[in-house]
Amino acid sequence: MTSFDVGRICVKLSGREAGKKCVVLDIVDKNFALITGPPKLTDIKRRRVNIQHIEATPERIEIKKGATDEEVAKSVEKAKKTTFMKAQVKP
C-alpha cells in the first residue's frame, strides 16, 4: 500500500484544485481515497479522488476515520498547521 493514511496532509496534483492541500479522511480501496480541505480553509470539498491525483506530504494531523469538516478544521488549528494548509504549492 502507499503512504496514505487517515490524517495525512496531501497536495492535489490535477484538476481545478491543483496545488491546494487536503486531508485524507478514509482509504476507499487501493485506487481511491476520501479527502476534504476543509472548504472553509482550502476550498476543497469532501470527495473521493484517485490516489494518483494526490501526493502525500510528511505532515499529518490526528483525526478519526470519516471525521466531519468541522472536526478536521479544529484538528488543523490544534496542530498549528493553518498557514501550512493555506499555502499553495506548484504541482
N, C-alpha and C. Protein backbone atom coordinates (compact mmCIF):
# COMPACT_ATOMS: atom_id res chain seq x y z
N MET A 1 0.85 -1.19 0.00
CA MET A 1 0.00 0.00 0.00
C MET A 1 0.89 1.24 0.00
N THR A 2 0.30 2.35 -0.30
CA THR A 2 1.04 3.60 -0.36
C THR A 2 1.14 4.24 1.02
N SER A 3 1.75 5.40 1.08
CA SER A 3 1.94 6.08 2.36
C SER A 3 0.72 6.89 2.76
N PHE A 4 -0.42 6.66 2.16
CA PHE A 4 -1.63 7.39 2.52
C PHE A 4 -2.27 6.71 3.72
N ASP A 5 -2.59 7.50 4.73
CA ASP A 5 -3.30 7.01 5.89
C ASP A 5 -4.22 8.12 6.38
N VAL A 6 -5.11 7.79 7.27
CA VAL A 6 -6.08 8.77 7.78
C VAL A 6 -5.32 9.88 8.51
N GLY A 7 -5.60 11.13 8.12
CA GLY A 7 -4.95 12.28 8.73
C GLY A 7 -3.76 12.80 7.96
N ARG A 8 -3.35 12.13 6.91
CA ARG A 8 -2.20 12.57 6.10
C ARG A 8 -2.58 13.80 5.30
N ILE A 9 -1.74 14.81 5.31
CA ILE A 9 -1.95 16.01 4.51
C ILE A 9 -1.33 15.77 3.13
N CYS A 10 -2.11 16.03 2.10
CA CYS A 10 -1.68 15.78 0.72
C CYS A 10 -1.86 17.03 -0.12
N VAL A 11 -1.26 17.01 -1.31
CA VAL A 11 -1.39 18.09 -2.29
C VAL A 11 -2.10 17.53 -3.50
N LYS A 12 -3.13 18.23 -3.96
CA LYS A 12 -3.83 17.82 -5.18
C LYS A 12 -2.92 18.11 -6.37
N LEU A 13 -2.79 17.15 -7.28
CA LEU A 13 -1.91 17.30 -8.43
C LEU A 13 -2.63 17.67 -9.72
N SER A 14 -3.92 17.41 -9.80
CA SER A 14 -4.63 17.69 -11.03
C SER A 14 -6.01 18.25 -10.73
N GLY A 15 -6.63 18.80 -11.75
CA GLY A 15 -7.95 19.38 -11.60
C GLY A 15 -7.88 20.85 -11.26
N ARG A 16 -9.04 21.44 -11.02
CA ARG A 16 -9.08 22.87 -10.74
C ARG A 16 -8.51 23.20 -9.38
N GLU A 17 -8.34 22.20 -8.52
CA GLU A 17 -7.78 22.42 -7.19
C GLU A 17 -6.30 22.06 -7.11
N ALA A 18 -5.65 21.92 -8.24
CA ALA A 18 -4.24 21.54 -8.27
C ALA A 18 -3.40 22.54 -7.48
N GLY A 19 -2.53 22.02 -6.64
CA GLY A 19 -1.66 22.85 -5.82
C GLY A 19 -2.19 23.14 -4.44
N LYS A 20 -3.46 22.82 -4.18
CA LYS A 20 -4.04 23.05 -2.86
C LYS A 20 -3.86 21.81 -1.99
N LYS A 21 -3.85 22.03 -0.70
CA LYS A 21 -3.64 20.94 0.25
C LYS A 21 -4.97 20.41 0.77
N CYS A 22 -4.97 19.13 1.09
CA CYS A 22 -6.16 18.46 1.59
C CYS A 22 -5.76 17.43 2.64
N VAL A 23 -6.75 16.86 3.31
CA VAL A 23 -6.51 15.86 4.35
C VAL A 23 -7.23 14.57 3.96
N VAL A 24 -6.55 13.43 4.11
CA VAL A 24 -7.16 12.13 3.81
C VAL A 24 -8.04 11.72 4.99
N LEU A 25 -9.31 11.43 4.69
CA LEU A 25 -10.26 11.01 5.72
C LEU A 25 -10.43 9.50 5.78
N ASP A 26 -10.28 8.84 4.63
CA ASP A 26 -10.50 7.40 4.57
C ASP A 26 -9.87 6.86 3.30
N ILE A 27 -9.45 5.62 3.33
CA ILE A 27 -8.97 4.92 2.14
C ILE A 27 -10.12 4.05 1.66
N VAL A 28 -10.68 4.36 0.49
CA VAL A 28 -11.84 3.64 -0.02
C VAL A 28 -11.42 2.26 -0.51
N ASP A 29 -10.43 2.20 -1.38
CA ASP A 29 -9.84 0.94 -1.84
C ASP A 29 -8.43 1.25 -2.32
N LYS A 30 -7.82 0.35 -3.08
CA LYS A 30 -6.42 0.56 -3.47
C LYS A 30 -6.24 1.71 -4.45
N ASN A 31 -7.32 2.21 -5.06
CA ASN A 31 -7.21 3.28 -6.04
C ASN A 31 -7.80 4.61 -5.60
N PHE A 32 -8.64 4.62 -4.57
CA PHE A 32 -9.35 5.85 -4.20
C PHE A 32 -9.24 6.16 -2.72
N ALA A 33 -9.27 7.47 -2.44
CA ALA A 33 -9.26 7.95 -1.06
C ALA A 33 -10.34 9.03 -0.92
N LEU A 34 -10.87 9.18 0.29
CA LEU A 34 -11.83 10.23 0.60
C LEU A 34 -11.04 11.38 1.22
N ILE A 35 -11.20 12.60 0.65
CA ILE A 35 -10.44 13.75 1.14
C ILE A 35 -11.37 14.92 1.44
N THR A 36 -10.84 15.89 2.16
CA THR A 36 -11.50 17.16 2.37
C THR A 36 -10.44 18.22 2.58
N GLY A 37 -10.84 19.48 2.43
CA GLY A 37 -9.91 20.60 2.57
C GLY A 37 -9.59 20.99 4.00
N PRO A 38 -10.48 21.29 4.82
CA PRO A 38 -11.92 21.52 4.66
C PRO A 38 -12.21 22.77 3.84
N PRO A 39 -13.43 22.91 3.29
CA PRO A 39 -13.74 24.01 2.37
C PRO A 39 -13.48 25.41 2.93
N LYS A 40 -13.73 25.63 4.21
CA LYS A 40 -13.50 26.96 4.79
C LYS A 40 -12.03 27.32 4.82
N LEU A 41 -11.16 26.32 4.79
CA LEU A 41 -9.72 26.55 4.90
C LEU A 41 -9.03 26.57 3.54
N THR A 42 -9.34 25.59 2.68
CA THR A 42 -8.62 25.47 1.41
C THR A 42 -9.51 25.38 0.18
N ASP A 43 -10.81 25.51 0.34
CA ASP A 43 -11.77 25.45 -0.78
C ASP A 43 -11.86 24.08 -1.44
N ILE A 44 -11.42 23.03 -0.79
CA ILE A 44 -11.57 21.69 -1.34
C ILE A 44 -12.72 21.00 -0.62
N LYS A 45 -13.73 20.58 -1.38
CA LYS A 45 -14.90 19.91 -0.81
C LYS A 45 -14.56 18.44 -0.53
N ARG A 46 -15.36 17.84 0.32
CA ARG A 46 -15.20 16.41 0.61
C ARG A 46 -15.54 15.64 -0.65
N ARG A 47 -14.63 14.76 -1.07
CA ARG A 47 -14.86 13.98 -2.28
C ARG A 47 -13.93 12.79 -2.35
N ARG A 48 -14.26 11.88 -3.23
CA ARG A 48 -13.43 10.71 -3.48
C ARG A 48 -12.49 11.06 -4.64
N VAL A 49 -11.21 10.77 -4.47
CA VAL A 49 -10.24 11.06 -5.52
C VAL A 49 -9.38 9.84 -5.79
N ASN A 50 -8.87 9.79 -7.00
CA ASN A 50 -7.90 8.77 -7.36
C ASN A 50 -6.59 9.09 -6.63
N ILE A 51 -5.94 8.09 -6.05
CA ILE A 51 -4.72 8.37 -5.29
C ILE A 51 -3.56 8.80 -6.19
N GLN A 52 -3.70 8.61 -7.49
CA GLN A 52 -2.68 9.10 -8.41
C GLN A 52 -2.79 10.60 -8.61
N HIS A 53 -3.88 11.21 -8.16
CA HIS A 53 -4.08 12.65 -8.31
C HIS A 53 -3.74 13.43 -7.06
N ILE A 54 -3.21 12.76 -6.03
CA ILE A 54 -2.76 13.44 -4.83
C ILE A 54 -1.36 12.95 -4.47
N GLU A 55 -0.61 13.83 -3.82
CA GLU A 55 0.75 13.48 -3.39
C GLU A 55 0.85 13.72 -1.89
N ALA A 56 1.32 12.71 -1.17
CA ALA A 56 1.41 12.80 0.29
C ALA A 56 2.57 13.71 0.70
N THR A 57 2.36 14.45 1.79
CA THR A 57 3.43 15.25 2.39
C THR A 57 3.83 14.55 3.69
N PRO A 58 4.95 14.93 4.28
CA PRO A 58 5.34 14.30 5.55
C PRO A 58 4.47 14.74 6.73
N GLU A 59 3.65 15.77 6.54
CA GLU A 59 2.82 16.30 7.62
C GLU A 59 1.58 15.44 7.83
N ARG A 60 1.13 15.40 9.09
CA ARG A 60 -0.03 14.59 9.45
C ARG A 60 -0.76 15.25 10.62
N ILE A 61 -2.08 15.08 10.69
CA ILE A 61 -2.85 15.56 11.84
C ILE A 61 -3.60 14.37 12.43
N GLU A 62 -3.98 14.49 13.68
CA GLU A 62 -4.71 13.43 14.37
C GLU A 62 -6.21 13.63 14.19
N ILE A 63 -6.84 12.77 13.40
CA ILE A 63 -8.29 12.77 13.24
C ILE A 63 -8.76 11.33 13.19
N LYS A 64 -10.06 11.14 13.42
CA LYS A 64 -10.62 9.80 13.30
C LYS A 64 -11.09 9.57 11.87
N LYS A 65 -11.24 8.33 11.51
CA LYS A 65 -11.68 7.95 10.18
C LYS A 65 -13.06 8.53 9.90
N GLY A 66 -13.23 9.24 8.78
CA GLY A 66 -14.50 9.81 8.39
C GLY A 66 -14.92 11.03 9.18
N ALA A 67 -13.97 11.78 9.73
CA ALA A 67 -14.27 12.95 10.54
C ALA A 67 -15.01 14.01 9.72
N THR A 68 -15.79 14.85 10.41
CA THR A 68 -16.52 15.93 9.74
C THR A 68 -15.55 17.06 9.40
N ASP A 69 -16.01 17.97 8.54
CA ASP A 69 -15.17 19.11 8.15
C ASP A 69 -14.83 19.98 9.35
N GLU A 70 -15.78 20.13 10.28
CA GLU A 70 -15.53 20.95 11.48
C GLU A 70 -14.46 20.31 12.36
N GLU A 71 -14.52 18.99 12.51
CA GLU A 71 -13.51 18.27 13.30
C GLU A 71 -12.13 18.39 12.67
N VAL A 72 -12.07 18.32 11.34
CA VAL A 72 -10.80 18.46 10.65
C VAL A 72 -10.24 19.86 10.84
N ALA A 73 -11.10 20.89 10.71
CA ALA A 73 -10.66 22.27 10.89
C ALA A 73 -10.12 22.50 12.29
N LYS A 74 -10.79 21.96 13.31
CA LYS A 74 -10.33 22.10 14.69
C LYS A 74 -9.00 21.39 14.89
N SER A 75 -8.84 20.23 14.29
CA SER A 75 -7.60 19.47 14.42
C SER A 75 -6.43 20.18 13.75
N VAL A 76 -6.69 20.83 12.61
CA VAL A 76 -5.65 21.60 11.92
C VAL A 76 -5.22 22.78 12.78
N GLU A 77 -6.18 23.47 13.39
CA GLU A 77 -5.86 24.60 14.26
C GLU A 77 -5.10 24.13 15.51
N LYS A 78 -5.51 23.00 16.06
CA LYS A 78 -4.85 22.46 17.25
C LYS A 78 -3.40 22.09 16.95
N ALA A 79 -3.15 21.56 15.74
CA ALA A 79 -1.79 21.17 15.35
C ALA A 79 -0.98 22.36 14.84
N LYS A 80 -1.60 23.56 14.80
CA LYS A 80 -0.95 24.79 14.34
C LYS A 80 -0.41 24.66 12.91
N LYS A 81 -1.24 24.10 12.03
CA LYS A 81 -0.87 23.92 10.62
C LYS A 81 -1.77 24.72 9.68
N THR A 82 -2.45 25.75 10.20
CA THR A 82 -3.37 26.54 9.39
C THR A 82 -2.65 27.23 8.25
N THR A 83 -1.53 27.89 8.51
CA THR A 83 -0.81 28.58 7.44
C THR A 83 -0.20 27.58 6.46
N PHE A 84 0.21 26.42 6.96
CA PHE A 84 0.75 25.37 6.07
C PHE A 84 -0.34 24.90 5.12
N MET A 85 -1.57 24.73 5.61
CA MET A 85 -2.67 24.25 4.77
C MET A 85 -3.09 25.29 3.74
N LYS A 86 -3.06 26.57 4.10
CA LYS A 86 -3.49 27.63 3.18
C LYS A 86 -2.47 27.89 2.08
N ALA A 87 -1.21 27.59 2.31
CA ALA A 87 -0.17 27.85 1.32
C ALA A 87 -0.32 26.90 0.14
N GLN A 88 -0.34 27.46 -1.06
CA GLN A 88 -0.43 26.64 -2.26
C GLN A 88 0.96 26.31 -2.75
N VAL A 89 1.07 25.15 -3.40
CA VAL A 89 2.33 24.73 -3.99
C VAL A 89 2.12 24.54 -5.49
N LYS A 90 3.18 24.58 -6.23
CA LYS A 90 3.08 24.34 -7.66
C LYS A 90 3.16 22.83 -7.89
N PRO A 91 2.09 22.24 -8.44
CA PRO A 91 2.07 20.77 -8.61
C PRO A 91 3.03 20.30 -9.68
